[in-house]
Amino acid sequence: MTFMFRRGIAHAYLIVVAFTGVGVGGAAEILDPGGFSFEQRVMVPGRPEAIYDALTGDISGWWDHTFSQSPKALIIEPKVGGGFYELFDDKGNGVRHAEVTWAERGKQLRLVGPLGFAGSAVVLVSTLTLEAESDSTRIHLTCHAAGEVKPGWPEACEGVWRHFLLERFKPYVEAGRHLKRKR
């Protein structure tokens, strides 16, 4: 009850600020927020734990969209509060693409952050759920976005995830390259 009451007060305050312009720095601009969602599925050979391990840690073998021409590292830390980092150099310069908000080895990985939309008022929640099927793993991606979504972004985001999962990750695992990388 307390949470709902406090949330109600905060919501009422935001409405007053939005309609009256009262607040720090003058009137806030009300934007028309948007959003989108999509799902994708892909089957890859291997047990869910091995596939989870391939989706995390050093992902430079299959992730190829970066801000740097040649990043020093691309890492998804497989722990709650971990980050998805693109490190530019040894000095710590780089980008945090997302935060890991759910890490359950062999079952689920959730990333929350702008990913390729860094610098924009967009947040993506990308959830990869893993399920064993015979000697393979079915990866089920759900992606939900909210914020200032520009035309063409939903299709671009869906296409990029398709690129990562079908064109990059699946062949990476099928070739056994994930078994040869340093951990």
Protein backbone atom coordinates (compact mmCIF):
# COMPACT_ATOMS: atom_id res chain seq x y z
CA MET A 1 0.00 0.00 0.00
CA THR A 2 2.76 2.44 0.89
CA PHE A 3 4.44 1.89 -2.46
CA MET A 4 1.24 2.63 -4.38
CA PHE A 5 0.60 5.75 -2.28
CA ARG A 6 4.11 7.11 -2.79
CA ARG A 7 3.97 6.22 -6.47
CA GLY A 8 0.66 8.09 -6.71
CA ILE A 9 2.16 11.20 -5.15
CA ALA A 10 5.15 11.06 -7.49
CA HIS A 11 2.83 10.60 -10.48
CA ALA A 12 0.66 13.55 -9.40
CA TYR A 13 3.78 15.71 -8.97
CA LEU A 14 4.95 14.83 -12.48
CA ILE A 15 1.55 15.73 -13.91
CA VAL A 16 1.61 19.11 -12.12
CA VAL A 17 5.15 19.80 -13.35
CA ALA A 18 4.28 18.79 -16.90
CA PHE A 19 1.14 20.92 -17.13
CA THR A 20 2.20 23.97 -15.16
CA GLY A 21 5.88 24.20 -16.01
CA VAL A 22 6.66 24.35 -12.27
CA GLY A 23 10.01 22.80 -11.47
CA VAL A 24 13.71 23.28 -11.78
CA GLY A 25 14.77 24.83 -15.09
CA GLY A 26 11.33 25.74 -16.42
CA ALA A 27 8.76 23.79 -18.37
CA ALA A 28 9.45 20.22 -19.37
CA GLU A 29 8.79 19.24 -22.95
CA ILE A 30 6.28 16.43 -23.27
CA LEU A 31 7.36 13.97 -25.93
CA ASP A 32 5.26 11.24 -27.47
CA PRO A 33 7.00 8.14 -26.16
CA GLY A 34 6.90 5.07 -28.29
CA GLY A 35 7.95 1.51 -28.11
CA PHE A 36 8.12 -1.78 -29.90
CA SER A 37 8.66 -5.45 -29.21
CA PHE A 38 9.54 -8.59 -31.12
CA GLU A 39 10.55 -12.19 -30.59
CA GLN A 40 13.03 -14.47 -32.33
CA ARG A 41 13.94 -18.12 -31.91
CA VAL A 42 17.00 -20.03 -33.01
CA MET A 43 18.17 -23.60 -32.40
CA VAL A 44 21.88 -24.21 -31.79
CA PRO A 45 23.79 -27.40 -31.00
CA GLY A 46 24.89 -27.90 -27.41
CA ARG A 47 23.59 -27.97 -23.86
CA PRO A 48 22.04 -24.79 -22.41
CA GLU A 49 24.95 -24.22 -19.98
CA ALA A 50 27.50 -24.28 -22.83
CA ILE A 51 25.33 -21.98 -24.95
CA TYR A 52 24.90 -19.58 -22.02
CA ASP A 53 28.66 -19.53 -21.59
CA ALA A 54 29.04 -18.73 -25.32
CA LEU A 55 26.55 -15.84 -24.98
CA THR A 56 28.55 -14.34 -22.10
CA GLY A 57 32.15 -13.53 -21.26
CA ASP A 58 34.23 -12.63 -24.31
CA ILE A 59 31.72 -12.26 -27.15
CA SER A 60 34.12 -10.77 -29.70
CA GLY A 61 33.93 -13.97 -31.75
CA TRP A 62 30.33 -13.34 -32.77
CA TRP A 63 29.31 -9.76 -31.84
CA ASP A 64 30.40 -7.44 -34.65
CA HIS A 65 28.59 -4.11 -34.13
CA THR A 66 30.85 -1.75 -32.22
CA PHE A 67 31.51 1.94 -31.74
CA SER A 68 35.27 1.43 -32.03
CA GLN A 69 36.95 0.24 -35.24
CA SER A 70 38.86 -2.39 -33.28
CA PRO A 71 37.75 -2.67 -29.66
CA LYS A 72 40.13 -4.18 -27.13
CA ALA A 73 37.32 -6.28 -25.65
CA LEU A 74 33.61 -7.07 -25.90
CA ILE A 75 32.40 -8.58 -22.66
CA ILE A 76 29.07 -9.55 -21.11
CA GLU A 77 29.58 -10.22 -17.42
CA PRO A 78 27.33 -13.18 -16.51
CA LYS A 79 26.13 -11.87 -13.15
CA VAL A 80 23.37 -9.63 -11.86
CA GLY A 81 24.61 -6.05 -12.05
CA GLY A 82 27.26 -7.05 -14.57
CA GLY A 83 27.73 -5.04 -17.71
CA PHE A 84 27.91 -5.49 -21.43
CA TYR A 85 31.09 -3.55 -22.16
CA GLU A 86 32.96 -2.51 -25.25
CA LEU A 87 36.43 -1.50 -24.10
CA PHE A 88 38.39 0.71 -26.46
CA ASP A 89 41.79 0.44 -24.76
CA ASP A 90 43.69 -0.52 -21.60
CA LYS A 91 42.88 2.85 -19.98
CA GLY A 92 39.22 1.92 -19.44
CA ASN A 93 37.80 4.06 -22.24
CA GLY A 94 34.73 2.49 -23.78
CA VAL A 95 30.97 2.04 -23.68
CA ARG A 96 28.61 0.20 -21.39
CA HIS A 97 25.92 -1.00 -23.79
CA ALA A 98 23.67 -2.60 -21.17
CA GLU A 99 23.38 -3.94 -17.63
CA VAL A 100 22.74 -7.59 -16.81
CA THR A 101 19.57 -7.71 -14.71
CA TRP A 102 18.97 -11.47 -14.85
CA ALA A 103 21.75 -14.03 -15.00
CA GLU A 104 20.84 -17.69 -14.58
CA ARG A 105 23.38 -19.97 -16.23
CA GLY A 106 21.79 -22.29 -18.74
CA LYS A 107 18.37 -20.69 -18.38
CA GLN A 108 18.15 -16.94 -18.90
CA LEU A 109 20.14 -13.78 -19.59
CA ARG A 110 18.51 -10.34 -19.51
CA LEU A 111 20.18 -7.14 -20.69
CA VAL A 112 18.70 -3.71 -20.03
CA GLY A 113 20.12 -0.68 -21.80
CA PRO A 114 20.18 1.22 -25.06
CA LEU A 115 22.55 -1.19 -26.87
CA GLY A 116 23.00 0.40 -30.33
CA PHE A 117 20.80 3.36 -29.45
CA ALA A 118 23.32 4.82 -26.96
CA GLY A 119 22.79 8.53 -26.48
CA SER A 120 19.09 8.28 -27.32
CA ALA A 121 16.17 8.27 -24.92
CA VAL A 122 15.46 4.58 -25.57
CA VAL A 123 15.76 1.61 -23.27
CA LEU A 124 15.79 -1.98 -24.54
CA VAL A 125 15.02 -5.02 -22.43
CA SER A 126 16.48 -8.02 -24.26
CA THR A 127 15.81 -11.43 -22.69
CA LEU A 128 17.45 -14.60 -23.95
CA THR A 129 15.76 -17.73 -22.57
CA LEU A 130 17.48 -21.08 -23.12
CA GLU A 131 15.72 -24.42 -23.28
CA ALA A 132 17.21 -27.85 -23.90
CA GLU A 133 15.77 -29.76 -26.82
CA SER A 134 17.43 -33.13 -27.42
CA ASP A 135 21.17 -32.38 -27.82
CA SER A 136 20.51 -28.75 -28.77
CA THR A 137 19.35 -25.52 -27.17
CA ARG A 138 16.48 -23.34 -28.30
CA ILE A 139 17.21 -19.66 -27.72
CA HIS A 140 14.11 -17.51 -27.39
CA LEU A 141 14.81 -13.79 -27.60
CA THR A 142 12.20 -11.27 -26.52
CA CYS A 143 13.01 -7.62 -26.98
CA HIS A 144 10.95 -4.74 -25.64
CA ALA A 145 11.84 -1.10 -26.25
CA ALA A 146 10.40 2.07 -24.77
CA GLY A 147 11.19 5.71 -25.24
CA GLU A 148 11.73 8.14 -28.04
CA VAL A 149 11.57 5.65 -30.92
CA LYS A 150 12.33 7.02 -34.36
CA PRO A 151 10.90 5.66 -37.63
CA GLY A 152 12.77 2.59 -38.85
CA TRP A 153 14.29 1.73 -35.47
CA PRO A 154 12.00 -1.25 -34.73
CA GLU A 155 12.90 -2.91 -38.03
CA ALA A 156 16.58 -2.08 -37.62
CA CYS A 157 16.72 -3.49 -34.09
CA GLU A 158 14.95 -6.68 -35.12
CA GLY A 159 17.26 -7.05 -38.12
CA VAL A 160 20.38 -6.53 -36.01
CA TRP A 161 19.30 -9.15 -33.47
CA ARG A 162 18.54 -11.55 -36.35
CA HIS A 163 22.04 -10.83 -37.67
CA PHE A 164 23.59 -11.57 -34.27
CA LEU A 165 21.66 -14.76 -33.54
CA LEU A 166 21.25 -16.36 -36.98
CA GLU A 167 24.17 -15.03 -39.02
CA ARG A 168 26.84 -14.71 -36.31
CA PHE A 169 26.11 -16.69 -33.14
CA LYS A 170 24.62 -19.84 -34.68
CA PRO A 171 27.53 -20.40 -37.14
CA TYR A 172 29.99 -19.53 -34.34
CA VAL A 173 28.56 -22.32 -32.16
CA GLU A 174 28.08 -24.78 -35.04
CA ALA A 175 31.78 -24.42 -35.90
CA GLY A 176 32.71 -25.09 -32.24
CA ARG A 177 34.53 -21.78 -31.97
CA HIS A 178 32.94 -21.12 -28.58
CA LEU A 179 34.77 -24.17 -27.18
CA LYS A 180 38.17 -22.80 -28.23
CA ARG A 181 37.97 -19.31 -26.74
CA LYS A 182 39.75 -18.33 -23.56
CA ARG A 183 37.53 -17.97 -20.53
